[in-house]
Amino acid sequence: MGTRKVNFLMLFLSSVGGLIGFFAGEMLLGAYAGKIHNVLLMGMYFGLLALLTGLMCLISELVNPVLNGRAWRDKYAGNSWLYLVPFTLILLFAAGVVFQYIYGFNSWKANNSDDIVLVIDSSGSTSQTDPDKQRFEAAKTLIGNMKSKSRVAIISFNHEAVILQPMTFIQDTNVKKDIYDKIDANVSDGGTDIGKALDLAYGHILENRGKNRTPMVFMLSDGINDGDLTDIIARLKGENIPVYTVGLMIEDAAGTAFLTDIADKTGGLYTNISNIRDLKSTFQNIYMSKDKRLLADRRHGTAENSIPLALARILLITMIGILTAVGIGFVFDNRRLVKGFGIGGAVSGLLAGIILEAGFAGAPQLGPVFRLLADLCLAAVFTLFSLAVPMDSNPDN
C-alpha cells in the first residue's frame, strides 16, 4: 500500500523557479513585444517558465528525494536530466505557440470596419514640442494606410475643440487629399482642454455610429487637463470606445500618469514619444496592433470585455498548468507523480487563468503583479498534489 507524500523543499524551490521565470518573462515582454510574432513570444514565455520550474523541482529531489526515493537519485537521475528540456522547454514552447495562435486567432488582421477619431492637440505649447508639425504628418500617414472600408474623423483642440473633418470613408486619393488639406490648414494656439475634445469625439461617434463598426479614439497631447474627466471617461467606457493616448515628449510624470489613466480606464493603451521623429511609426504601430492580444497580457480595445476571450484565456492557461505539471512528472519517469501533478496542474492553471483575467479586468495598471501571482501558481501549486496519489511505499527500490 502506498503512502501520500509531499516534498516541501520542492514547493519552495519551484516557487523560486517561478519567481525567476517571472523576471525572465518580463524581460522577454519588454524586449520583444511587438517586435516578434506573438505566438513565438508566448512560446518562449511559457517554455522558459516551465524549464526553470522543472529545473528547481529536479534539484529539490536530488537534494531530498522524498517522492522518488534514493534509488532513483542513485540510478536514474541521469535520465531525468535528459528528459528535462524536452518535457519542459520544448513541450511548453509548443503549447504556448499553439494556444497563443488559438487565443489570438484573426487578431493580426486589420479591422476593415474601424471608425477612428483622431484627436490632435493644437495648443500653443505644441509650437515648442512639435515645431515642424510632425503630429499632423503622422496623422496623414495613418490615414493614407487605412483601408477603404474604414472611416476617420479629425478633431483639433486647444482651449476649445473643433471638428476638422467629420466622419468619412477613406475611399480614394481625392478624399485623402481633401483631409490632408484640412489638417495642413490647422493653427496651433491657446491652452489645453482635453475634456472638451473627448466630449466632442464621444458625441460625434454616437451621431455617426454604424452597425458592426468598431469605434475608437486616437488622442495625441503634450499637456495636462485641469478639469475633471470622470464623467466623459465613464461614458466612453460605457459605450466601449477605447482611447489610445500618445504623449508628445512629456517629461512630467503627472502628464504621463494622466494620459495613462485615460487609456487604462477606457481600454486603450498609452504610448510616450521621446523623439518626435518616431511619431509616424508609433501611430501606425498602434493602429496595426490595437486588436492584438497576448495570453499573458491585457486585452485592449473592443476585445477587453469579451466574455468568450475571457473564458478562452482561463481554459488555455489551465491547459498550460496541466502540461507544465505533467511534463515535470514525466521528467521523473514516475507515473504516479504524473497523475498527482496532473491533478495539481489543473488547479494551478485554473487559479493562474482566473488571476490573470480578473486582475487585468479590475486593475490593468498592476499587470506585472498579476503575472507574478499567476507564474507562482503555475510553478508551485501543483507540487502539493503529490498528496493526491499514493507513492510507492518503498521508494528506495
Protein backbone atom coordinates (compact mmCIF):
# COMPACT_ATOMS: atom_id res chain seq x y z
CA MET A 1 0.00 0.00 0.00
CA GLY A 2 1.38 3.40 -0.98
CA THR A 3 1.83 6.46 1.17
CA ARG A 4 0.92 10.05 0.41
CA LYS A 5 3.89 12.40 0.41
CA VAL A 6 4.83 15.98 -0.36
CA ASN A 7 8.28 17.49 -0.80
CA PHE A 8 8.20 20.90 0.86
CA LEU A 9 11.66 21.69 -0.49
CA MET A 10 10.18 21.20 -3.97
CA LEU A 11 7.37 23.60 -3.10
CA PHE A 12 9.91 26.22 -2.04
CA LEU A 13 12.35 25.78 -4.92
CA SER A 14 9.62 25.60 -7.56
CA SER A 15 8.38 28.94 -6.20
CA VAL A 16 11.90 30.28 -6.67
CA GLY A 17 11.81 28.93 -10.23
CA GLY A 18 8.51 30.70 -10.82
CA LEU A 19 9.94 33.94 -9.46
CA ILE A 20 13.00 33.72 -11.72
CA GLY A 21 10.72 32.77 -14.61
CA PHE A 22 8.59 35.83 -13.95
CA PHE A 23 11.55 38.22 -14.17
CA ALA A 24 12.84 36.44 -17.28
CA GLY A 25 9.36 36.68 -18.80
CA GLU A 26 9.11 40.40 -18.07
CA MET A 27 12.42 40.89 -19.84
CA LEU A 28 11.09 38.95 -22.84
CA LEU A 29 7.92 41.03 -22.97
CA GLY A 30 9.85 44.27 -22.61
CA ALA A 31 12.37 43.40 -25.29
CA TYR A 32 10.28 41.59 -27.88
CA ALA A 33 6.58 42.51 -27.52
CA GLY A 34 5.52 43.97 -30.86
CA LYS A 35 8.87 43.01 -32.43
CA ILE A 36 8.39 39.27 -32.90
CA HIS A 37 5.22 37.33 -33.60
CA ASN A 38 3.01 36.83 -30.56
CA VAL A 39 2.96 33.05 -30.93
CA LEU A 40 6.75 32.90 -30.66
CA LEU A 41 6.75 35.31 -27.73
CA MET A 42 4.25 33.25 -25.72
CA GLY A 43 6.03 30.03 -26.65
CA MET A 44 9.26 31.45 -25.26
CA TYR A 45 7.48 32.81 -22.19
CA PHE A 46 5.82 29.57 -21.08
CA GLY A 47 8.67 27.34 -22.24
CA LEU A 48 11.18 29.26 -20.13
CA LEU A 49 8.87 29.29 -17.11
CA ALA A 50 8.39 25.51 -17.36
CA LEU A 51 12.13 24.88 -17.77
CA LEU A 52 13.04 26.90 -14.68
CA THR A 53 10.25 25.29 -12.67
CA GLY A 54 11.26 21.80 -13.76
CA LEU A 55 14.92 22.50 -13.02
CA MET A 56 14.11 23.56 -9.46
CA CYS A 57 11.85 20.54 -8.94
CA LEU A 58 14.64 18.25 -10.13
CA ILE A 59 17.18 19.90 -7.85
CA SER A 60 14.84 19.55 -4.87
CA GLU A 61 14.50 15.78 -5.38
CA LEU A 62 18.23 15.40 -5.89
CA VAL A 63 18.80 17.15 -2.55
CA ASN A 64 15.91 15.50 -0.74
CA PRO A 65 14.37 12.57 -2.71
CA VAL A 66 11.08 12.37 -0.83
CA LEU A 67 8.86 11.49 -3.80
CA ASN A 68 11.15 9.31 -5.94
CA GLY A 69 13.48 7.79 -3.36
CA ARG A 70 17.22 7.39 -3.04
CA ALA A 71 17.27 4.56 -5.59
CA TRP A 72 16.02 7.00 -8.24
CA ARG A 73 18.68 9.53 -7.25
CA ASP A 74 21.43 6.91 -7.35
CA LYS A 75 20.39 5.08 -10.53
CA TYR A 76 18.02 7.09 -12.68
CA ALA A 77 18.59 10.79 -12.03
CA GLY A 78 20.75 10.95 -15.15
CA ASN A 79 17.73 10.10 -17.26
CA SER A 80 15.78 12.93 -15.63
CA TRP A 81 18.41 15.41 -16.77
CA LEU A 82 17.94 14.09 -20.32
CA TYR A 83 14.16 14.43 -20.06
CA LEU A 84 14.21 17.93 -18.57
CA VAL A 85 14.44 20.07 -21.70
CA PRO A 86 12.07 18.01 -23.93
CA PHE A 87 9.33 17.76 -21.27
CA THR A 88 9.52 21.37 -20.11
CA LEU A 89 11.07 23.88 -22.51
CA ILE A 90 10.16 22.17 -25.79
CA LEU A 91 6.73 20.89 -24.70
CA LEU A 92 5.59 24.21 -23.26
CA PHE A 93 7.13 26.22 -26.08
CA ALA A 94 4.98 24.21 -28.49
CA ALA A 95 1.93 24.58 -26.24
CA GLY A 96 2.48 28.33 -25.90
CA VAL A 97 2.71 28.69 -29.69
CA VAL A 98 -0.48 26.70 -30.33
CA PHE A 99 -2.51 28.23 -27.51
CA GLN A 100 -1.47 31.79 -28.40
CA TYR A 101 -2.45 31.12 -32.00
CA ILE A 102 -5.88 29.97 -30.82
CA TYR A 103 -6.28 32.91 -28.43
CA GLY A 104 -5.14 35.49 -30.97
CA PHE A 105 -6.80 33.91 -34.00
CA ASN A 106 -7.65 36.51 -36.64
CA SER A 107 -6.47 39.37 -34.39
CA TRP A 108 -3.45 40.16 -36.55
CA LYS A 109 -5.70 41.27 -39.42
CA ALA A 110 -6.55 44.96 -39.50
CA ASN A 111 -10.25 45.60 -38.94
CA ASN A 112 -11.68 47.00 -42.18
CA SER A 113 -14.70 48.46 -40.36
CA ASP A 114 -12.93 50.81 -37.96
CA ASP A 115 -14.30 54.23 -37.08
CA ILE A 116 -11.29 56.22 -35.85
CA VAL A 117 -11.46 59.71 -34.38
CA LEU A 118 -8.06 61.39 -34.39
CA VAL A 119 -7.94 63.93 -31.56
CA ILE A 120 -4.88 66.16 -32.00
CA ASP A 121 -3.51 68.74 -29.59
CA SER A 122 -3.18 72.16 -31.23
CA SER A 123 -2.41 74.18 -28.11
CA GLY A 124 0.26 76.85 -28.15
CA SER A 125 2.76 74.65 -26.30
CA THR A 126 2.99 72.30 -29.29
CA SER A 127 4.88 75.04 -31.11
CA GLN A 128 7.81 74.12 -28.85
CA THR A 129 7.32 70.36 -28.56
CA ASP A 130 6.48 69.87 -32.25
CA PRO A 131 7.59 72.96 -34.21
CA ASP A 132 7.65 71.06 -37.52
CA LYS A 133 4.10 69.73 -37.04
CA GLN A 134 5.19 66.13 -37.20
CA ARG A 135 1.98 65.12 -35.43
CA PHE A 136 -0.02 66.21 -38.46
CA GLU A 137 2.32 64.38 -40.83
CA ALA A 138 1.86 61.28 -38.67
CA ALA A 139 -1.91 61.67 -38.88
CA LYS A 140 -1.72 61.90 -42.67
CA THR A 141 0.47 58.81 -42.85
CA LEU A 142 -2.01 56.86 -40.74
CA ILE A 143 -4.93 57.98 -42.90
CA GLY A 144 -3.01 57.07 -46.02
CA ASN A 145 -2.59 53.48 -44.79
CA MET A 146 -6.18 52.97 -43.65
CA LYS A 147 -8.48 50.61 -45.56
CA SER A 148 -11.24 51.86 -47.82
CA LYS A 149 -13.94 50.44 -45.50
CA SER A 150 -12.58 52.41 -42.56
CA ARG A 151 -13.88 55.84 -41.57
CA VAL A 152 -11.98 58.67 -39.95
CA ALA A 153 -12.84 61.93 -38.24
CA ILE A 154 -10.35 64.56 -37.06
CA ILE A 155 -10.75 66.82 -34.04
CA SER A 156 -8.32 69.60 -33.21
CA PHE A 157 -8.30 71.02 -29.72
CA ASN A 158 -6.71 73.71 -27.58
CA HIS A 159 -8.91 75.55 -25.06
CA GLU A 160 -11.73 74.72 -27.46
CA ALA A 161 -12.40 71.67 -29.65
CA VAL A 162 -13.41 71.70 -33.31
CA ILE A 163 -14.13 69.04 -35.91
CA LEU A 164 -11.70 69.50 -38.80
CA GLN A 165 -13.08 66.51 -40.67
CA PRO A 166 -16.44 64.85 -39.96
CA MET A 167 -16.61 61.05 -40.05
CA THR A 168 -15.99 59.91 -43.62
CA PHE A 169 -14.92 56.82 -45.53
CA ILE A 170 -11.34 56.66 -46.78
CA GLN A 171 -12.47 55.89 -50.32
CA ASP A 172 -9.88 57.26 -52.71
CA THR A 173 -6.94 59.62 -53.11
CA ASN A 174 -9.19 62.65 -53.62
CA VAL A 175 -10.85 62.12 -50.24
CA LYS A 176 -7.46 61.71 -48.60
CA LYS A 177 -6.11 64.86 -50.26
CA ASP A 178 -9.10 66.86 -49.03
CA ILE A 179 -8.47 65.64 -45.47
CA TYR A 180 -4.75 66.43 -45.74
CA ASP A 181 -5.54 70.00 -46.80
CA LYS A 182 -7.76 70.49 -43.73
CA ILE A 183 -5.01 69.14 -41.48
CA ASP A 184 -2.38 71.43 -43.02
CA ALA A 185 -4.58 74.48 -42.51
CA ASN A 186 -4.82 73.90 -38.76
CA VAL A 187 -3.14 76.50 -36.50
CA SER A 188 -1.53 75.89 -33.08
CA ASP A 189 -2.61 78.35 -30.39
CA GLY A 190 -4.28 78.61 -26.97
CA GLY A 191 -4.49 76.35 -23.93
CA THR A 192 -5.39 72.68 -23.44
CA ASP A 193 -8.85 71.27 -22.70
CA ILE A 194 -8.81 67.51 -23.22
CA GLY A 195 -12.24 67.14 -21.67
CA LYS A 196 -13.90 69.19 -24.42
CA ALA A 197 -12.03 67.23 -27.07
CA LEU A 198 -13.09 63.84 -25.71
CA ASP A 199 -16.66 65.01 -25.20
CA LEU A 200 -16.83 66.18 -28.82
CA ALA A 201 -15.30 62.89 -30.03
CA TYR A 202 -17.79 60.88 -27.96
CA GLY A 203 -20.79 62.78 -29.32
CA HIS A 204 -19.55 62.57 -32.91
CA ILE A 205 -19.10 58.80 -32.66
CA LEU A 206 -22.61 58.30 -31.31
CA GLU A 207 -24.11 60.51 -34.01
CA ASN A 208 -22.34 58.54 -36.76
CA ARG A 209 -22.23 55.07 -35.23
CA GLY A 210 -22.99 52.34 -37.75
CA LYS A 211 -23.88 48.68 -37.37
CA ASN A 212 -20.95 46.26 -36.97
CA ARG A 213 -18.42 49.07 -36.83
CA THR A 214 -15.61 49.45 -34.28
CA PRO A 215 -15.21 52.97 -32.85
CA MET A 216 -12.03 54.19 -31.18
CA VAL A 217 -10.19 57.41 -30.38
CA PHE A 218 -6.51 58.15 -31.03
CA MET A 219 -5.50 61.18 -28.97
CA LEU A 220 -2.18 62.99 -29.02
CA SER A 221 -1.31 65.66 -26.45
CA ASP A 222 1.64 67.29 -24.69
CA GLY A 223 -0.36 68.80 -21.82
CA ILE A 224 -2.39 68.10 -18.70
CA ASN A 225 -6.08 68.87 -18.47
CA ASP A 226 -7.22 70.90 -15.48
CA GLY A 227 -10.82 69.68 -15.45
CA ASP A 228 -12.44 66.51 -14.14
CA LEU A 229 -12.72 63.79 -16.80
CA THR A 230 -14.56 61.25 -14.64
CA ASP A 231 -17.88 61.65 -16.44
CA ILE A 232 -16.60 61.53 -20.02
CA ILE A 233 -14.32 58.57 -19.28
CA ALA A 234 -17.26 56.68 -17.78
CA ARG A 235 -19.36 57.43 -20.87
CA LEU A 236 -16.60 56.30 -23.24
CA LYS A 237 -16.13 53.09 -21.29
CA GLY A 238 -19.88 52.53 -21.16
CA GLU A 239 -20.08 52.72 -24.96
CA ASN A 240 -16.97 50.52 -25.33
CA ILE A 241 -14.95 53.29 -27.02
CA PRO A 242 -11.25 52.85 -26.22
CA VAL A 243 -8.95 55.87 -26.17
CA TYR A 244 -5.38 55.29 -27.32
CA THR A 245 -3.29 58.15 -25.95
CA VAL A 246 0.09 59.31 -27.22
CA GLY A 247 2.23 61.59 -25.06
CA LEU A 248 4.19 64.10 -27.10
CA MET A 249 7.62 64.40 -25.48
CA ILE A 250 6.15 64.55 -21.97
CA GLU A 251 8.79 64.77 -19.25
CA ASP A 252 6.40 65.48 -16.37
CA ALA A 253 5.40 62.26 -14.55
CA ALA A 254 1.99 63.75 -13.80
CA GLY A 255 1.32 64.21 -17.52
CA THR A 256 2.28 60.63 -18.26
CA ALA A 257 0.09 59.35 -15.42
CA PHE A 258 -2.82 61.48 -16.65
CA LEU A 259 -2.76 60.12 -20.22
CA THR A 260 -2.10 56.59 -18.99
CA ASP A 261 -5.15 56.79 -16.74
CA ILE A 262 -7.38 57.80 -19.66
CA ALA A 263 -6.14 54.86 -21.72
CA ASP A 264 -6.37 52.34 -18.89
CA LYS A 265 -9.90 53.27 -17.89
CA THR A 266 -11.28 53.16 -21.43
CA GLY A 267 -9.49 50.01 -22.59
CA GLY A 268 -6.90 51.76 -24.74
CA LEU A 269 -3.13 51.99 -24.48
CA TYR A 270 -0.70 54.81 -23.65
CA THR A 271 2.48 55.41 -25.64
CA ASN A 272 5.05 58.09 -24.88
CA ILE A 273 7.09 59.69 -27.65
CA SER A 274 10.52 60.94 -26.63
CA ASN A 275 11.59 61.69 -30.21
CA ILE A 276 9.08 63.47 -32.42
CA ARG A 277 10.52 61.69 -35.46
CA ASP A 278 9.16 58.39 -34.10
CA LEU A 279 5.57 59.62 -34.19
CA LYS A 280 4.70 58.35 -37.67
CA SER A 281 5.69 54.78 -36.86
CA THR A 282 4.03 54.99 -33.45
CA PHE A 283 0.62 55.93 -34.87
CA GLN A 284 0.89 53.14 -37.41
CA ASN A 285 2.01 50.57 -34.84
CA ILE A 286 -0.93 51.44 -32.58
CA TYR A 287 -3.33 51.06 -35.50
CA MET A 288 -1.94 47.70 -36.56
CA SER A 289 -1.66 46.27 -33.04
CA LYS A 290 -4.84 47.64 -31.42
CA ASP A 291 -6.62 44.27 -31.56
CA LYS A 292 -3.64 42.03 -30.83
CA ARG A 293 -3.76 40.09 -27.60
CA LEU A 294 -1.34 38.02 -25.55
CA LEU A 295 -2.26 35.17 -23.22
CA ALA A 296 -0.13 36.76 -20.51
CA ASP A 297 -1.16 40.37 -21.01
CA ARG A 298 -4.16 42.66 -21.01
CA ARG A 299 -6.57 42.80 -23.93
CA HIS A 300 -7.19 46.22 -25.44
CA GLY A 301 -9.93 47.90 -27.37
CA THR A 302 -13.20 46.17 -28.15
CA ALA A 303 -11.80 42.79 -27.07
CA GLU A 304 -11.16 43.97 -23.50
CA ASN A 305 -14.57 42.95 -22.14
CA SER A 306 -15.11 39.92 -24.36
CA ILE A 307 -16.57 37.04 -22.32
CA PRO A 308 -15.59 34.37 -24.90
CA LEU A 309 -11.99 35.60 -24.82
CA ALA A 310 -12.03 35.69 -21.01
CA LEU A 311 -13.18 32.07 -20.89
CA ALA A 312 -10.67 31.12 -23.59
CA ARG A 313 -7.78 32.61 -21.62
CA ILE A 314 -8.80 30.77 -18.44
CA LEU A 315 -9.15 27.48 -20.32
CA LEU A 316 -5.86 27.81 -22.18
CA ILE A 317 -3.90 28.83 -19.09
CA THR A 318 -5.45 25.85 -17.28
CA MET A 319 -4.09 23.62 -20.05
CA ILE A 320 -0.69 25.32 -19.69
CA GLY A 321 -0.81 24.40 -15.98
CA ILE A 322 -1.67 20.78 -16.73
CA LEU A 323 1.06 20.38 -19.35
CA THR A 324 3.68 22.03 -17.13
CA ALA A 325 2.88 19.75 -14.20
CA VAL A 326 2.53 16.57 -16.27
CA GLY A 327 5.74 17.35 -18.16
CA ILE A 328 7.64 17.68 -14.88
CA GLY A 329 6.11 14.40 -13.71
CA PHE A 330 7.50 12.74 -16.86
CA VAL A 331 10.93 14.21 -16.09
CA PHE A 332 10.98 11.88 -13.07
CA ASP A 333 9.57 8.96 -15.12
CA ASN A 334 7.06 8.33 -12.34
CA ARG A 335 3.51 7.56 -13.49
CA ARG A 336 2.02 8.16 -10.03
CA LEU A 337 3.71 11.53 -9.86
CA VAL A 338 2.43 12.33 -13.35
CA LYS A 339 -1.11 11.60 -12.19
CA GLY A 340 -0.86 13.61 -8.97
CA PHE A 341 0.93 16.51 -10.65
CA GLY A 342 -1.64 16.46 -13.46
CA ILE A 343 -4.46 17.00 -10.98
CA GLY A 344 -2.49 19.78 -9.32
CA GLY A 345 -1.65 21.30 -12.69
CA ALA A 346 -5.34 21.68 -13.47
CA VAL A 347 -5.83 23.51 -10.18
CA SER A 348 -2.76 25.72 -10.57
CA GLY A 349 -3.60 26.55 -14.18
CA LEU A 350 -7.20 27.41 -13.31
CA LEU A 351 -6.06 29.69 -10.49
CA ALA A 352 -3.48 31.35 -12.75
CA GLY A 353 -6.05 31.91 -15.50
CA ILE A 354 -8.56 33.45 -13.11
CA ILE A 355 -5.88 35.68 -11.57
CA LEU A 356 -4.84 36.99 -14.99
CA GLU A 357 -8.36 37.54 -16.27
CA ALA A 358 -9.79 39.09 -13.10
CA GLY A 359 -6.64 41.12 -12.45
CA PHE A 360 -6.39 42.70 -15.89
CA ALA A 361 -10.12 43.45 -15.86
CA GLY A 362 -10.05 45.06 -12.41
CA ALA A 363 -6.69 46.82 -12.22
CA PRO A 364 -4.84 46.66 -15.57
CA GLN A 365 -2.13 49.04 -14.37
CA LEU A 366 -0.97 46.28 -12.00
CA GLY A 367 -0.44 43.81 -14.84
CA PRO A 368 3.07 42.66 -13.76
CA VAL A 369 1.77 41.90 -10.25
CA PHE A 370 -0.91 39.60 -11.66
CA ARG A 371 1.60 37.90 -13.94
CA LEU A 372 3.82 37.30 -10.92
CA LEU A 373 0.98 35.69 -8.97
CA ALA A 374 -0.05 33.60 -11.98
CA ASP A 375 3.52 32.42 -12.61
CA LEU A 376 3.92 31.43 -8.96
CA CYS A 377 0.68 29.45 -9.15
CA LEU A 378 1.82 27.64 -12.29
CA ALA A 379 5.22 26.91 -10.77
CA ALA A 380 4.34 25.82 -7.25
CA VAL A 381 0.73 24.85 -6.52
CA PHE A 382 0.86 21.54 -8.40
CA THR A 383 3.72 20.25 -6.22
CA LEU A 384 1.32 19.92 -3.29
CA PHE A 385 -0.80 17.46 -5.23
CA SER A 386 1.71 14.64 -4.93
CA LEU A 387 -0.52 14.01 -1.91
CA ALA A 388 -3.42 13.18 -4.26
CA VAL A 389 -1.92 9.88 -5.40
CA PRO A 390 -0.15 7.42 -3.02
CA MET A 391 3.51 6.93 -3.82
CA ASP A 392 5.38 3.62 -3.72
CA SER A 393 5.60 2.56 -0.08
CA ASN A 394 9.25 1.62 -0.63
CA PRO A 395 10.62 4.42 -2.81
CA ASP A 396 14.22 3.39 -2.29
CA ASN A 397 13.78 0.35 -4.52
